[in-house]
Amino acid sequence: MGVSNDILSSLPESLLSAIVSFLPFKEAVRTSILSKDWVNVYKSTRKIEFNELFFVNVDQSPEIIDAQRRAFSDFVRKWIEKHREDVIDKFSLTILIPEFFCELIDQCFRFALRNGVKDLELDFTYQPYDIVSAVVVLPTYFYGCSGFESLKLYACEFVASQCVNFHSLKKVSLGYMGIKLHAIKALLTNCEKLESLSFLKCWNSEGDFILNEEYLGLKKLVINRCDFKFNIFRVKAPNLKVFNYHGLMIRFAVDIQSPVLDEVNLDFSLEYRCQGHGSYLYKFLKEFSSAKVMTVCSYLLQVHFLPFVFFLKFKFSF
């Protein structure tokens, strides 16, 4: 029987590195068991994901969980020590209880920024129960990085007024944190290339959300399961094309000033009642009468309030 040729292993190391960089991080690491030629290839991936849940099973005993956390910490430290690439395209860090890993978190921050990361994801929520055990304050050197193109910050505390160096930033997703209006204004003003802004399970501690200045770059706005207690939510974004809302029925006035809306997605599936919501929903939908496509959940069918003619103005998708 002839010996089969391993075509992939014969490829140049630079090409193998490019291949593993297209794989999810967990799958990239698994390539190390393919053959001896692949043992170290995964270490050159440019998309790194350190996720505590890859190691920790929260249903185990405290003793086992402690051992799993130590294994996770050792893996991360050794990776940082032996990393061979000079550039990181994406760096993702997920830690359930950040107060257990303060030093490790700082090492990860410095490692990612030192290697010019473009896409940074930081998630410090306790994912198994979708709660926040502690909010991580971003270090001052974080704001000195000018190469960010995408930021996902969950359960983080950051100072938007210091984001003056984020000239390349195009996408921001904020989650599990209090939102202050002046911080959002500073973010939109300082990051002129910002195109996508998302909020996940955020809350506000101020009054109305009114952005009277025009933000020409903003093209996508997402509000997902947030606890916003506004009377008015007004955004001037002449080039906004996509608006997504997922949560309870909105009882505050919404004023999205954009004549070019292509897509509106509305999901009120969290709402537990519909009686008395007709007028709110009518005003809300009317605000998006210029949208080309509107996707709604079945909640809309439970509220009988709209003349049939109004529906003809939209292309609905359920």
C-alpha atoms as a PDB file:
ATOM      1  CA  MET A   1       0.000   0.000   0.000  1.00  0.00           C
ATOM      2  CA  GLY A   2       1.390   3.362  -1.005  1.00  0.00           C
ATOM      3  CA  VAL A   3       1.927   6.155   1.492  1.00  0.00           C
ATOM      4  CA  SER A   4      -0.673   8.909   1.125  1.00  0.00           C
ATOM      5  CA  ASN A   5       0.643  12.394   0.627  1.00  0.00           C
ATOM      6  CA  ASP A   6      -0.358  15.099   3.103  1.00  0.00           C
ATOM      7  CA  ILE A   7      -0.826  17.966   0.657  1.00  0.00           C
ATOM      8  CA  LEU A   8      -1.768  20.531   3.310  1.00  0.00           C
ATOM      9  CA  SER A   9       1.295  19.867   5.456  1.00  0.00           C
ATOM     10  CA  SER A  10       3.533  20.462   2.443  1.00  0.00           C
ATOM     11  CA  LEU A  11       2.261  24.025   2.078  1.00  0.00           C
ATOM     12  CA  PRO A  12       4.425  26.952   3.242  1.00  0.00           C
ATOM     13  CA  GLU A  13       4.016  27.873   6.909  1.00  0.00           C
ATOM     14  CA  SER A  14       2.773  31.340   5.992  1.00  0.00           C
ATOM     15  CA  LEU A  15      -0.083  29.794   4.000  1.00  0.00           C
ATOM     16  CA  LEU A  16      -0.939  27.366   6.791  1.00  0.00           C
ATOM     17  CA  SER A  17      -1.102  30.296   9.189  1.00  0.00           C
ATOM     18  CA  ALA A  18      -3.536  32.040   6.874  1.00  0.00           C
ATOM     19  CA  ILE A  19      -5.692  28.893   6.724  1.00  0.00           C
ATOM     20  CA  VAL A  20      -5.985  28.477  10.508  1.00  0.00           C
ATOM     21  CA  SER A  21      -6.770  32.190  10.847  1.00  0.00           C
ATOM     22  CA  PHE A  22     -10.025  31.553   8.970  1.00  0.00           C
ATOM     23  CA  LEU A  23     -11.064  28.911  11.500  1.00  0.00           C
ATOM     24  CA  PRO A  24     -12.855  29.593  14.813  1.00  0.00           C
ATOM     25  CA  PHE A  25     -10.182  29.704  17.510  1.00  0.00           C
ATOM     26  CA  LYS A  26     -11.307  26.463  19.141  1.00  0.00           C
ATOM     27  CA  GLU A  27     -11.089  24.624  15.815  1.00  0.00           C
ATOM     28  CA  ALA A  28      -7.713  26.188  15.033  1.00  0.00           C
ATOM     29  CA  VAL A  29      -6.291  24.780  18.281  1.00  0.00           C
ATOM     30  CA  ARG A  30      -7.670  21.339  17.428  1.00  0.00           C
ATOM     31  CA  THR A  31      -5.568  21.224  14.245  1.00  0.00           C
ATOM     32  CA  SER A  32      -2.559  20.521  16.483  1.00  0.00           C
ATOM     33  CA  ILE A  33      -3.623  16.852  16.687  1.00  0.00           C
ATOM     34  CA  LEU A  34      -3.663  16.335  12.901  1.00  0.00           C
ATOM     35  CA  SER A  35       0.036  15.472  12.638  1.00  0.00           C
ATOM     36  CA  LYS A  36       3.415  16.495  14.000  1.00  0.00           C
ATOM     37  CA  ASP A  37       3.666  19.101  11.247  1.00  0.00           C
ATOM     38  CA  TRP A  38       0.550  20.811  12.636  1.00  0.00           C
ATOM     39  CA  VAL A  39       1.511  20.855  16.308  1.00  0.00           C
ATOM     40  CA  ASN A  40       2.436  24.534  16.358  1.00  0.00           C
ATOM     41  CA  VAL A  41       0.614  25.910  13.320  1.00  0.00           C
ATOM     42  CA  TYR A  42      -2.410  27.082  15.307  1.00  0.00           C
ATOM     43  CA  LYS A  43      -0.182  29.378  17.374  1.00  0.00           C
ATOM     44  CA  SER A  44       0.220  31.653  14.366  1.00  0.00           C
ATOM     45  CA  THR A  45      -3.497  32.394  13.984  1.00  0.00           C
ATOM     46  CA  ARG A  46      -4.350  36.092  13.822  1.00  0.00           C
ATOM     47  CA  LYS A  47      -7.751  35.597  15.453  1.00  0.00           C
ATOM     48  CA  ILE A  48      -7.415  34.764  19.138  1.00  0.00           C
ATOM     49  CA  GLU A  49     -10.242  33.893  21.515  1.00  0.00           C
ATOM     50  CA  PHE A  50      -9.586  33.320  25.202  1.00  0.00           C
ATOM     51  CA  ASN A  51     -12.880  32.123  26.656  1.00  0.00           C
ATOM     52  CA  GLU A  52     -13.042  30.824  30.216  1.00  0.00           C
ATOM     53  CA  LEU A  53     -16.025  28.653  29.264  1.00  0.00           C
ATOM     54  CA  PHE A  54     -13.752  26.627  26.975  1.00  0.00           C
ATOM     55  CA  PHE A  55     -12.174  25.302  30.200  1.00  0.00           C
ATOM     56  CA  VAL A  56     -14.677  25.808  33.011  1.00  0.00           C
ATOM     57  CA  ASN A  57     -17.868  23.828  33.575  1.00  0.00           C
ATOM     58  CA  VAL A  58     -19.846  25.853  36.124  1.00  0.00           C
ATOM     59  CA  ASP A  59     -21.904  22.784  37.067  1.00  0.00           C
ATOM     60  CA  GLN A  60     -18.885  21.056  38.596  1.00  0.00           C
ATOM     61  CA  SER A  61     -17.773  21.193  42.229  1.00  0.00           C
ATOM     62  CA  PRO A  62     -15.839  24.277  43.475  1.00  0.00           C
ATOM     63  CA  GLU A  63     -12.624  22.247  43.648  1.00  0.00           C
ATOM     64  CA  ILE A  64     -12.906  21.137  40.022  1.00  0.00           C
ATOM     65  CA  ILE A  65     -13.844  24.653  38.882  1.00  0.00           C
ATOM     66  CA  ASP A  66     -10.747  26.067  40.628  1.00  0.00           C
ATOM     67  CA  ALA A  67      -8.562  23.528  38.802  1.00  0.00           C
ATOM     68  CA  GLN A  68     -10.212  24.362  35.498  1.00  0.00           C
ATOM     69  CA  ARG A  69      -9.655  28.093  36.094  1.00  0.00           C
ATOM     70  CA  ARG A  70      -5.969  27.446  36.753  1.00  0.00           C
ATOM     71  CA  ALA A  71      -5.755  25.467  33.504  1.00  0.00           C
ATOM     72  CA  PHE A  72      -7.375  28.362  31.644  1.00  0.00           C
ATOM     73  CA  SER A  73      -4.980  30.877  33.208  1.00  0.00           C
ATOM     74  CA  ASP A  74      -1.933  28.718  32.416  1.00  0.00           C
ATOM     75  CA  PHE A  75      -3.067  28.290  28.795  1.00  0.00           C
ATOM     76  CA  VAL A  76      -3.465  32.047  28.309  1.00  0.00           C
ATOM     77  CA  ARG A  77      -0.130  32.917  29.928  1.00  0.00           C
ATOM     78  CA  LYS A  78       1.797  30.345  27.885  1.00  0.00           C
ATOM     79  CA  TRP A  79       0.104  31.500  24.693  1.00  0.00           C
ATOM     80  CA  ILE A  80       1.100  35.115  25.325  1.00  0.00           C
ATOM     81  CA  GLU A  81       4.686  34.088  26.120  1.00  0.00           C
ATOM     82  CA  LYS A  82       5.103  31.997  22.954  1.00  0.00           C
ATOM     83  CA  HIS A  83       3.018  33.954  20.443  1.00  0.00           C
ATOM     84  CA  ARG A  84       5.002  34.360  17.211  1.00  0.00           C
ATOM     85  CA  GLU A  85       2.954  36.819  15.128  1.00  0.00           C
ATOM     86  CA  ASP A  86       3.428  40.593  15.249  1.00  0.00           C
ATOM     87  CA  VAL A  87      -0.143  41.487  14.237  1.00  0.00           C
ATOM     88  CA  ILE A  88      -3.508  40.354  15.600  1.00  0.00           C
ATOM     89  CA  ASP A  89      -6.640  40.927  13.537  1.00  0.00           C
ATOM     90  CA  LYS A  90      -9.099  39.914  16.270  1.00  0.00           C
ATOM     91  CA  PHE A  91      -8.723  39.396  20.007  1.00  0.00           C
ATOM     92  CA  SER A  92     -11.606  38.146  22.165  1.00  0.00           C
ATOM     93  CA  LEU A  93     -11.498  37.770  25.951  1.00  0.00           C
ATOM     94  CA  THR A  94     -14.381  36.255  27.946  1.00  0.00           C
ATOM     95  CA  ILE A  95     -14.048  35.896  31.720  1.00  0.00           C
ATOM     96  CA  LEU A  96     -16.936  35.014  34.041  1.00  0.00           C
ATOM     97  CA  ILE A  97     -15.680  36.511  37.317  1.00  0.00           C
ATOM     98  CA  PRO A  98     -13.028  39.111  36.426  1.00  0.00           C
ATOM     99  CA  GLU A  99     -11.936  39.791  40.029  1.00  0.00           C
ATOM    100  CA  PHE A 100     -10.300  36.327  39.984  1.00  0.00           C
ATOM    101  CA  PHE A 101      -8.087  37.285  37.009  1.00  0.00           C
ATOM    102  CA  CYS A 102      -7.083  40.956  37.467  1.00  0.00           C
ATOM    103  CA  GLU A 103      -3.416  40.391  36.594  1.00  0.00           C
ATOM    104  CA  LEU A 104      -4.260  38.082  33.694  1.00  0.00           C
ATOM    105  CA  ILE A 105      -6.723  40.615  32.253  1.00  0.00           C
ATOM    106  CA  ASP A 106      -4.037  43.302  32.305  1.00  0.00           C
ATOM    107  CA  GLN A 107      -1.594  40.955  30.541  1.00  0.00           C
ATOM    108  CA  CYS A 108      -4.226  40.254  27.866  1.00  0.00           C
ATOM    109  CA  PHE A 109      -4.909  43.960  27.363  1.00  0.00           C
ATOM    110  CA  ARG A 110      -1.218  44.742  26.890  1.00  0.00           C
ATOM    111  CA  PHE A 111      -0.695  41.726  24.632  1.00  0.00           C
ATOM    112  CA  ALA A 112      -3.585  42.666  22.324  1.00  0.00           C
ATOM    113  CA  LEU A 113      -2.686  46.345  22.097  1.00  0.00           C
ATOM    114  CA  ARG A 114       1.015  45.601  21.637  1.00  0.00           C
ATOM    115  CA  ASN A 115       0.153  43.507  18.590  1.00  0.00           C
ATOM    116  CA  GLY A 116      -2.024  46.172  16.961  1.00  0.00           C
ATOM    117  CA  VAL A 117      -5.387  44.438  17.359  1.00  0.00           C
ATOM    118  CA  LYS A 118      -8.114  45.750  15.029  1.00  0.00           C
ATOM    119  CA  ASP A 119     -11.166  43.896  16.352  1.00  0.00           C
ATOM    120  CA  LEU A 120     -11.343  43.783  20.161  1.00  0.00           C
ATOM    121  CA  GLU A 121     -14.045  41.925  22.117  1.00  0.00           C
ATOM    122  CA  LEU A 122     -14.174  42.059  25.920  1.00  0.00           C
ATOM    123  CA  ASP A 123     -16.958  40.198  27.718  1.00  0.00           C
ATOM    124  CA  PHE A 124     -16.986  40.104  31.515  1.00  0.00           C
ATOM    125  CA  THR A 125     -20.564  38.943  32.022  1.00  0.00           C
ATOM    126  CA  TYR A 126     -21.333  35.755  33.884  1.00  0.00           C
ATOM    127  CA  GLN A 127     -22.677  34.079  30.759  1.00  0.00           C
ATOM    128  CA  PRO A 128     -24.285  30.946  32.228  1.00  0.00           C
ATOM    129  CA  TYR A 129     -26.774  33.168  34.081  1.00  0.00           C
ATOM    130  CA  ASP A 130     -26.480  36.281  31.890  1.00  0.00           C
ATOM    131  CA  ILE A 131     -25.562  38.570  34.792  1.00  0.00           C
ATOM    132  CA  VAL A 132     -22.729  40.922  35.727  1.00  0.00           C
ATOM    133  CA  SER A 133     -20.568  40.029  38.732  1.00  0.00           C
ATOM    134  CA  ALA A 134     -18.248  43.022  38.328  1.00  0.00           C
ATOM    135  CA  VAL A 135     -17.567  45.837  35.874  1.00  0.00           C
ATOM    136  CA  VAL A 136     -13.990  46.048  34.589  1.00  0.00           C
ATOM    137  CA  VAL A 137     -12.481  49.526  34.328  1.00  0.00           C
ATOM    138  CA  LEU A 138     -10.476  49.868  31.133  1.00  0.00           C
ATOM    139  CA  PRO A 139      -6.889  51.034  31.767  1.00  0.00           C
ATOM    140  CA  THR A 140      -5.684  54.449  30.624  1.00  0.00           C
ATOM    141  CA  TYR A 141      -3.301  52.951  28.049  1.00  0.00           C
ATOM    142  CA  PHE A 142      -6.347  51.448  26.291  1.00  0.00           C
ATOM    143  CA  TYR A 143      -7.251  54.904  24.955  1.00  0.00           C
ATOM    144  CA  GLY A 144      -3.849  55.356  23.324  1.00  0.00           C
ATOM    145  CA  CYS A 145      -4.541  52.706  20.683  1.00  0.00           C
ATOM    146  CA  SER A 146      -5.395  54.158  17.269  1.00  0.00           C
ATOM    147  CA  GLY A 147      -5.892  50.948  15.273  1.00  0.00           C
ATOM    148  CA  PHE A 148      -9.299  49.794  16.514  1.00  0.00           C
ATOM    149  CA  GLU A 149     -11.853  49.130  13.774  1.00  0.00           C
ATOM    150  CA  SER A 150     -14.383  47.246  15.902  1.00  0.00           C
ATOM    151  CA  LEU A 151     -15.043  47.258  19.659  1.00  0.00           C
ATOM    152  CA  LYS A 152     -17.333  45.005  21.692  1.00  0.00           C
ATOM    153  CA  LEU A 153     -17.341  45.977  25.369  1.00  0.00           C
ATOM    154  CA  TYR A 154     -19.579  44.045  27.780  1.00  0.00           C
ATOM    155  CA  ALA A 155     -19.542  44.885  31.507  1.00  0.00           C
ATOM    156  CA  CYS A 156     -16.760  47.394  30.963  1.00  0.00           C
ATOM    157  CA  GLU A 157     -16.383  50.943  32.207  1.00  0.00           C
ATOM    158  CA  PHE A 158     -14.823  53.264  29.665  1.00  0.00           C
ATOM    159  CA  VAL A 159     -14.477  57.018  29.236  1.00  0.00           C
ATOM    160  CA  ALA A 160     -15.838  57.977  25.813  1.00  0.00           C
ATOM    161  CA  SER A 161     -14.389  61.472  26.004  1.00  0.00           C
ATOM    162  CA  GLN A 162     -10.907  59.911  25.913  1.00  0.00           C
ATOM    163  CA  CYS A 163     -11.585  58.051  22.660  1.00  0.00           C
ATOM    164  CA  VAL A 164      -9.922  60.798  20.623  1.00  0.00           C
ATOM    165  CA  ASN A 165      -7.447  58.397  18.984  1.00  0.00           C
ATOM    166  CA  PHE A 166     -10.023  55.971  17.588  1.00  0.00           C
ATOM    167  CA  HIS A 167      -9.903  57.419  14.070  1.00  0.00           C
ATOM    168  CA  SER A 168     -10.439  54.042  12.362  1.00  0.00           C
ATOM    169  CA  LEU A 169     -13.298  52.821  14.546  1.00  0.00           C
ATOM    170  CA  LYS A 170     -16.330  51.732  12.492  1.00  0.00           C
ATOM    171  CA  LYS A 171     -18.305  49.418  14.775  1.00  0.00           C
ATOM    172  CA  VAL A 172     -19.114  49.629  18.503  1.00  0.00           C
ATOM    173  CA  SER A 173     -21.218  47.244  20.598  1.00  0.00           C
ATOM    174  CA  LEU A 174     -21.830  48.166  24.243  1.00  0.00           C
ATOM    175  CA  GLY A 175     -23.455  45.757  26.663  1.00  0.00           C
ATOM    176  CA  TYR A 176     -24.352  45.342  30.325  1.00  0.00           C
ATOM    177  CA  MET A 177     -23.477  48.889  31.343  1.00  0.00           C
ATOM    178  CA  GLY A 178     -25.071  52.198  32.194  1.00  0.00           C
ATOM    179  CA  ILE A 179     -25.322  54.563  29.236  1.00  0.00           C
ATOM    180  CA  LYS A 180     -24.843  58.294  29.656  1.00  0.00           C
ATOM    181  CA  LEU A 181     -25.889  60.666  26.894  1.00  0.00           C
ATOM    182  CA  HIS A 182     -22.737  62.780  27.026  1.00  0.00           C
ATOM    183  CA  ALA A 183     -20.643  59.623  26.582  1.00  0.00           C
ATOM    184  CA  ILE A 184     -22.543  58.605  23.435  1.00  0.00           C
ATOM    185  CA  LYS A 185     -22.222  62.119  22.034  1.00  0.00           C
ATOM    186  CA  ALA A 186     -18.482  62.062  22.689  1.00  0.00           C
ATOM    187  CA  LEU A 187     -18.155  58.646  21.036  1.00  0.00           C
ATOM    188  CA  LEU A 188     -20.035  59.711  17.902  1.00  0.00           C
ATOM    189  CA  THR A 189     -18.182  63.016  17.720  1.00  0.00           C
ATOM    190  CA  ASN A 190     -14.671  61.660  18.280  1.00  0.00           C
ATOM    191  CA  CYS A 191     -15.131  58.598  16.042  1.00  0.00           C
ATOM    192  CA  GLU A 192     -16.150  60.166  12.741  1.00  0.00           C
ATOM    193  CA  LYS A 193     -15.968  56.840  10.851  1.00  0.00           C
ATOM    194  CA  LEU A 194     -18.367  55.085  13.232  1.00  0.00           C
ATOM    195  CA  GLU A 195     -21.025  53.302  11.142  1.00  0.00           C
ATOM    196  CA  SER A 196     -22.617  50.787  13.542  1.00  0.00           C
ATOM    197  CA  LEU A 197     -23.689  51.370  17.166  1.00  0.00           C
ATOM    198  CA  SER A 198     -25.330  48.623  19.260  1.00  0.00           C
ATOM    199  CA  PHE A 199     -26.633  48.441  22.827  1.00  0.00           C
ATOM    200  CA  LEU A 200     -27.271  45.101  24.572  1.00  0.00           C
ATOM    201  CA  LYS A 201     -28.937  45.031  27.997  1.00  0.00           C
ATOM    202  CA  CYS A 202     -27.831  48.569  28.784  1.00  0.00           C
ATOM    203  CA  TRP A 203     -29.652  51.021  31.009  1.00  0.00           C
ATOM    204  CA  ASN A 204     -29.750  54.795  31.353  1.00  0.00           C
ATOM    205  CA  SER A 205     -29.448  56.983  34.426  1.00  0.00           C
ATOM    206  CA  GLU A 206     -30.422  60.254  32.792  1.00  0.00           C
ATOM    207  CA  GLY A 207     -33.474  61.875  31.217  1.00  0.00           C
ATOM    208  CA  ASP A 208     -34.211  62.060  27.501  1.00  0.00           C
ATOM    209  CA  PHE A 209     -31.915  60.660  24.813  1.00  0.00           C
ATOM    210  CA  ILE A 210     -31.638  63.548  22.365  1.00  0.00           C
ATOM    211  CA  LEU A 211     -28.866  63.810  19.773  1.00  0.00           C
ATOM    212  CA  ASN A 212     -29.604  67.044  17.932  1.00  0.00           C
ATOM    213  CA  GLU A 213     -26.289  67.132  16.093  1.00  0.00           C
ATOM    214  CA  GLU A 214     -26.154  65.354  12.740  1.00  0.00           C
ATOM    215  CA  TYR A 215     -24.095  62.170  12.711  1.00  0.00           C
ATOM    216  CA  LEU A 216     -23.483  61.533   9.040  1.00  0.00           C
ATOM    217  CA  GLY A 217     -21.469  58.342   9.433  1.00  0.00           C
ATOM    218  CA  LEU A 218     -23.983  56.316  11.448  1.00  0.00           C
ATOM    219  CA  LYS A 219     -25.652  53.664   9.265  1.00  0.00           C
ATOM    220  CA  LYS A 220     -26.853  51.034  11.747  1.00  0.00           C
ATOM    221  CA  LEU A 221     -28.430  51.414  15.203  1.00  0.00           C
ATOM    222  CA  VAL A 222     -29.370  48.430  17.402  1.00  0.00           C
ATOM    223  CA  ILE A 223     -31.221  48.437  20.745  1.00  0.00           C
ATOM    224  CA  ASN A 224     -31.405  44.938  22.212  1.00  0.00           C
ATOM    225  CA  ARG A 225     -33.199  44.176  25.504  1.00  0.00           C
ATOM    226  CA  CYS A 226     -32.219  47.492  27.109  1.00  0.00           C
ATOM    227  CA  ASP A 227     -33.848  49.176  30.086  1.00  0.00           C
ATOM    228  CA  PHE A 228     -34.145  52.712  28.756  1.00  0.00           C
ATOM    229  CA  LYS A 229     -36.465  55.039  30.651  1.00  0.00           C
ATOM    230  CA  PHE A 230     -36.712  57.965  28.242  1.00  0.00           C
ATOM    231  CA  ASN A 231     -39.523  60.287  27.358  1.00  0.00           C
ATOM    232  CA  ILE A 232     -37.866  61.010  24.008  1.00  0.00           C
ATOM    233  CA  PHE A 233     -35.359  59.033  21.952  1.00  0.00           C
ATOM    234  CA  ARG A 234     -34.171  61.282  19.123  1.00  0.00           C
ATOM    235  CA  VAL A 235     -31.275  60.643  16.757  1.00  0.00           C
ATOM    236  CA  LYS A 236     -30.309  62.734  13.738  1.00  0.00           C
ATOM    237  CA  ALA A 237     -28.602  60.308  11.382  1.00  0.00           C
ATOM    238  CA  PRO A 238     -29.346  61.259   7.755  1.00  0.00           C
ATOM    239  CA  ASN A 239     -27.543  58.159   6.445  1.00  0.00           C
ATOM    240  CA  LEU A 240     -29.008  55.604   8.854  1.00  0.00           C
ATOM    241  CA  LYS A 241     -30.071  52.557   6.850  1.00  0.00           C
ATOM    242  CA  VAL A 242     -30.794  49.891   9.492  1.00  0.00           C
ATOM    243  CA  PHE A 243     -32.652  50.159  12.821  1.00  0.00           C
ATOM    244  CA  ASN A 244     -33.131  47.075  15.016  1.00  0.00           C
ATOM    245  CA  TYR A 245     -35.164  46.995  18.217  1.00  0.00           C
ATOM    246  CA  HIS A 246     -35.668  43.981  20.501  1.00  0.00           C
ATOM    247  CA  GLY A 247     -37.395  44.390  23.849  1.00  0.00           C
ATOM    248  CA  LEU A 248     -40.566  45.513  25.560  1.00  0.00           C
ATOM    249  CA  MET A 249     -43.106  47.744  23.857  1.00  0.00           C
ATOM    250  CA  ILE A 250     -41.746  51.284  23.611  1.00  0.00           C
ATOM    251  CA  ARG A 251     -43.679  53.890  25.578  1.00  0.00           C
ATOM    252  CA  PHE A 252     -41.389  56.836  24.857  1.00  0.00           C
ATOM    253  CA  ALA A 253     -41.430  59.001  21.751  1.00  0.00           C
ATOM    254  CA  VAL A 254     -39.026  57.819  19.052  1.00  0.00           C
ATOM    255  CA  ASP A 255     -37.663  60.262  16.494  1.00  0.00           C
ATOM    256  CA  ILE A 256     -35.184  58.674  14.070  1.00  0.00           C
ATOM    257  CA  GLN A 257     -34.400  61.348  11.517  1.00  0.00           C
ATOM    258  CA  SER A 258     -33.217  59.466   8.456  1.00  0.00           C
ATOM    259  CA  PRO A 259     -34.770  59.649   4.971  1.00  0.00           C
ATOM    260  CA  VAL A 260     -32.867  56.608   3.668  1.00  0.00           C
ATOM    261  CA  LEU A 261     -33.981  53.797   5.989  1.00  0.00           C
ATOM    262  CA  ASP A 262     -33.704  50.495   4.150  1.00  0.00           C
ATOM    263  CA  GLU A 263     -34.486  48.043   6.918  1.00  0.00           C
ATOM    264  CA  VAL A 264     -36.347  48.149  10.241  1.00  0.00           C
ATOM    265  CA  ASN A 265     -36.501  45.064  12.483  1.00  0.00           C
ATOM    266  CA  LEU A 266     -38.904  45.139  15.429  1.00  0.00           C
ATOM    267  CA  ASP A 267     -39.158  42.348  17.993  1.00  0.00           C
ATOM    268  CA  PHE A 268     -41.521  42.811  20.951  1.00  0.00           C
ATOM    269  CA  SER A 269     -41.522  39.133  21.895  1.00  0.00           C
ATOM    270  CA  LEU A 270     -40.469  40.010  25.461  1.00  0.00           C
ATOM    271  CA  GLU A 271     -43.769  41.852  25.950  1.00  0.00           C
ATOM    272  CA  TYR A 272     -46.214  39.949  28.166  1.00  0.00           C
ATOM    273  CA  ARG A 273     -49.370  41.938  27.409  1.00  0.00           C
ATOM    274  CA  CYS A 274     -50.855  43.900  24.538  1.00  0.00           C
ATOM    275  CA  GLN A 275     -53.955  45.582  25.931  1.00  0.00           C
ATOM    276  CA  GLY A 276     -53.709  49.354  25.664  1.00  0.00           C
ATOM    277  CA  HIS A 277     -50.588  49.296  23.499  1.00  0.00           C
ATOM    278  CA  GLY A 278     -52.302  50.132  20.221  1.00  0.00           C
ATOM    279  CA  SER A 279     -51.662  53.876  20.260  1.00  0.00           C
ATOM    280  CA  TYR A 280     -48.012  53.415  21.284  1.00  0.00           C
ATOM    281  CA  LEU A 281     -47.402  50.908  18.527  1.00  0.00           C
ATOM    282  CA  TYR A 282     -49.187  53.032  15.932  1.00  0.00           C
ATOM    283  CA  LYS A 283     -46.992  56.068  16.699  1.00  0.00           C
ATOM    284  CA  PHE A 284     -43.904  53.892  16.726  1.00  0.00           C
ATOM    285  CA  LEU A 285     -44.586  52.287  13.351  1.00  0.00           C
ATOM    286  CA  LYS A 286     -45.569  55.596  11.821  1.00  0.00           C
ATOM    287  CA  GLU A 287     -42.112  56.922  12.632  1.00  0.00           C
ATOM    288  CA  PHE A 288     -40.672  54.333  10.210  1.00  0.00           C
ATOM    289  CA  SER A 289     -43.132  54.812   7.364  1.00  0.00           C
ATOM    290  CA  SER A 290     -40.256  55.619   4.993  1.00  0.00           C
ATOM    291  CA  ALA A 291     -38.553  52.241   5.534  1.00  0.00           C
ATOM    292  CA  LYS A 292     -38.316  49.980   2.508  1.00  0.00           C
ATOM    293  CA  VAL A 293     -38.581  46.737   4.487  1.00  0.00           C
ATOM    294  CA  MET A 294     -39.976  46.178   7.971  1.00  0.00           C
ATOM    295  CA  THR A 295     -39.614  42.872   9.804  1.00  0.00           C
ATOM    296  CA  VAL A 296     -41.839  42.396  12.853  1.00  0.00           C
ATOM    297  CA  CYS A 297     -42.664  39.631  15.327  1.00  0.00           C
ATOM    298  CA  SER A 298     -46.059  38.031  15.877  1.00  0.00           C
ATOM    299  CA  TYR A 299     -46.793  40.514  18.671  1.00  0.00           C
ATOM    300  CA  LEU A 300     -48.064  42.899  16.012  1.00  0.00           C
ATOM    301  CA  LEU A 301     -50.852  40.485  15.138  1.00  0.00           C
ATOM    302  CA  GLN A 302     -52.125  40.594  18.715  1.00  0.00           C
ATOM    303  CA  VAL A 303     -52.727  44.334  18.667  1.00  0.00           C
ATOM    304  CA  HIS A 304     -55.769  45.159  16.525  1.00  0.00           C
ATOM    305  CA  PHE A 305     -55.584  48.856  15.862  1.00  0.00           C
ATOM    306  CA  LEU A 306     -54.274  49.659  12.381  1.00  0.00           C
ATOM    307  CA  PRO A 307     -56.346  50.369   9.277  1.00  0.00           C
ATOM    308  CA  PHE A 308     -55.560  47.943   6.478  1.00  0.00           C
ATOM    309  CA  VAL A 309     -54.387  50.823   4.268  1.00  0.00           C
ATOM    310  CA  PHE A 310     -51.505  51.528   6.651  1.00  0.00           C
ATOM    311  CA  PHE A 311     -50.099  48.037   6.151  1.00  0.00           C
ATOM    312  CA  LEU A 312     -49.977  48.519   2.390  1.00  0.00           C
ATOM    313  CA  LYS A 313     -47.197  51.090   2.791  1.00  0.00           C
ATOM    314  CA  PHE A 314     -44.747  48.463   4.017  1.00  0.00           C
ATOM    315  CA  LYS A 315     -43.288  45.204   2.911  1.00  0.00           C
ATOM    316  CA  PHE A 316     -43.755  43.176   6.095  1.00  0.00           C
ATOM    317  CA  SER A 317     -41.948  40.010   7.051  1.00  0.00           C
ATOM    318  CA  PHE A 318     -43.033  37.877  10.025  1.00  0.00           C
END
